[in-house]
């Protein structure tokens, strides 16, 4: 899972994931998006595009 963080695309909490400068904050935001998408019933493969 560690190397696959970059596969979570899109806007995360109002910011583009690629534009967040702080690496720790980028991981936190992407994890938040991952949890939200899983809670909505999406499958992991559809979230982690790649």
Protein backbone atom coordinates (compact mmCIF):
# COMPACT_ATOMS: atom_id res chain seq x y z
CA UNK A 1 0.00 0.00 0.00
CA UNK A 2 2.88 2.37 0.71
CA UNK A 3 3.94 2.80 -2.91
CA UNK A 4 0.35 3.01 -4.14
CA UNK A 5 -0.55 6.32 -2.44
CA UNK A 6 0.08 8.17 -5.68
CA UNK A 7 -2.67 6.13 -7.33
CA UNK A 8 -5.40 7.89 -5.35
CA UNK A 9 -6.27 10.71 -7.77
CA UNK A 10 -8.45 13.75 -7.60
CA UNK A 11 -9.44 16.46 -5.19
CA UNK A 12 -8.93 15.65 -1.52
CA UNK A 13 -10.53 17.98 1.04
CA UNK A 14 -10.59 20.79 -1.51
CA UNK A 15 -6.96 20.33 -2.62
CA UNK A 16 -5.49 18.37 -5.50
CA UNK A 17 -3.43 15.55 -4.00
CA UNK A 18 -0.50 16.35 -6.25
CA UNK A 19 -0.40 19.99 -5.12
CA UNK A 20 -0.07 19.36 -1.37
CA UNK A 21 3.55 20.17 -0.54
CA UNK A 22 3.93 18.59 2.90
CA UNK A 23 4.40 14.80 2.38
CA UNK A 24 2.82 13.94 5.72
CA UNK A 25 -0.25 16.08 5.03
CA UNK A 26 -0.49 14.57 1.55
CA UNK A 27 -0.61 11.06 3.03
CA UNK A 28 -3.17 12.10 5.63
CA UNK A 29 -5.46 13.63 2.99
CA UNK A 30 -5.14 10.61 0.70
CA UNK A 31 -5.87 8.21 3.55
CA UNK A 32 -8.92 10.31 4.42
CA UNK A 33 -10.15 10.05 0.83
CA UNK A 34 -9.49 6.30 0.79
CA UNK A 35 -11.57 5.82 3.94
CA UNK A 36 -14.40 7.97 2.57
CA UNK A 37 -14.52 6.04 -0.70
CA UNK A 38 -14.47 2.67 1.08
CA UNK A 39 -17.28 3.86 3.36
CA UNK A 40 -19.35 4.67 0.28
CA UNK A 41 -18.97 1.08 -0.89
CA UNK A 42 -16.38 1.48 -3.62
CA UNK A 43 -13.93 -1.34 -4.19
CA UNK A 44 -10.23 -0.83 -3.50
CA UNK A 45 -9.30 -1.51 -7.15
CA UNK A 46 -11.57 1.27 -8.40
CA UNK A 47 -10.09 3.72 -5.88
CA UNK A 48 -6.45 2.84 -6.58
CA UNK A 49 -6.32 3.40 -10.30
CA UNK A 50 -3.25 2.19 -12.00
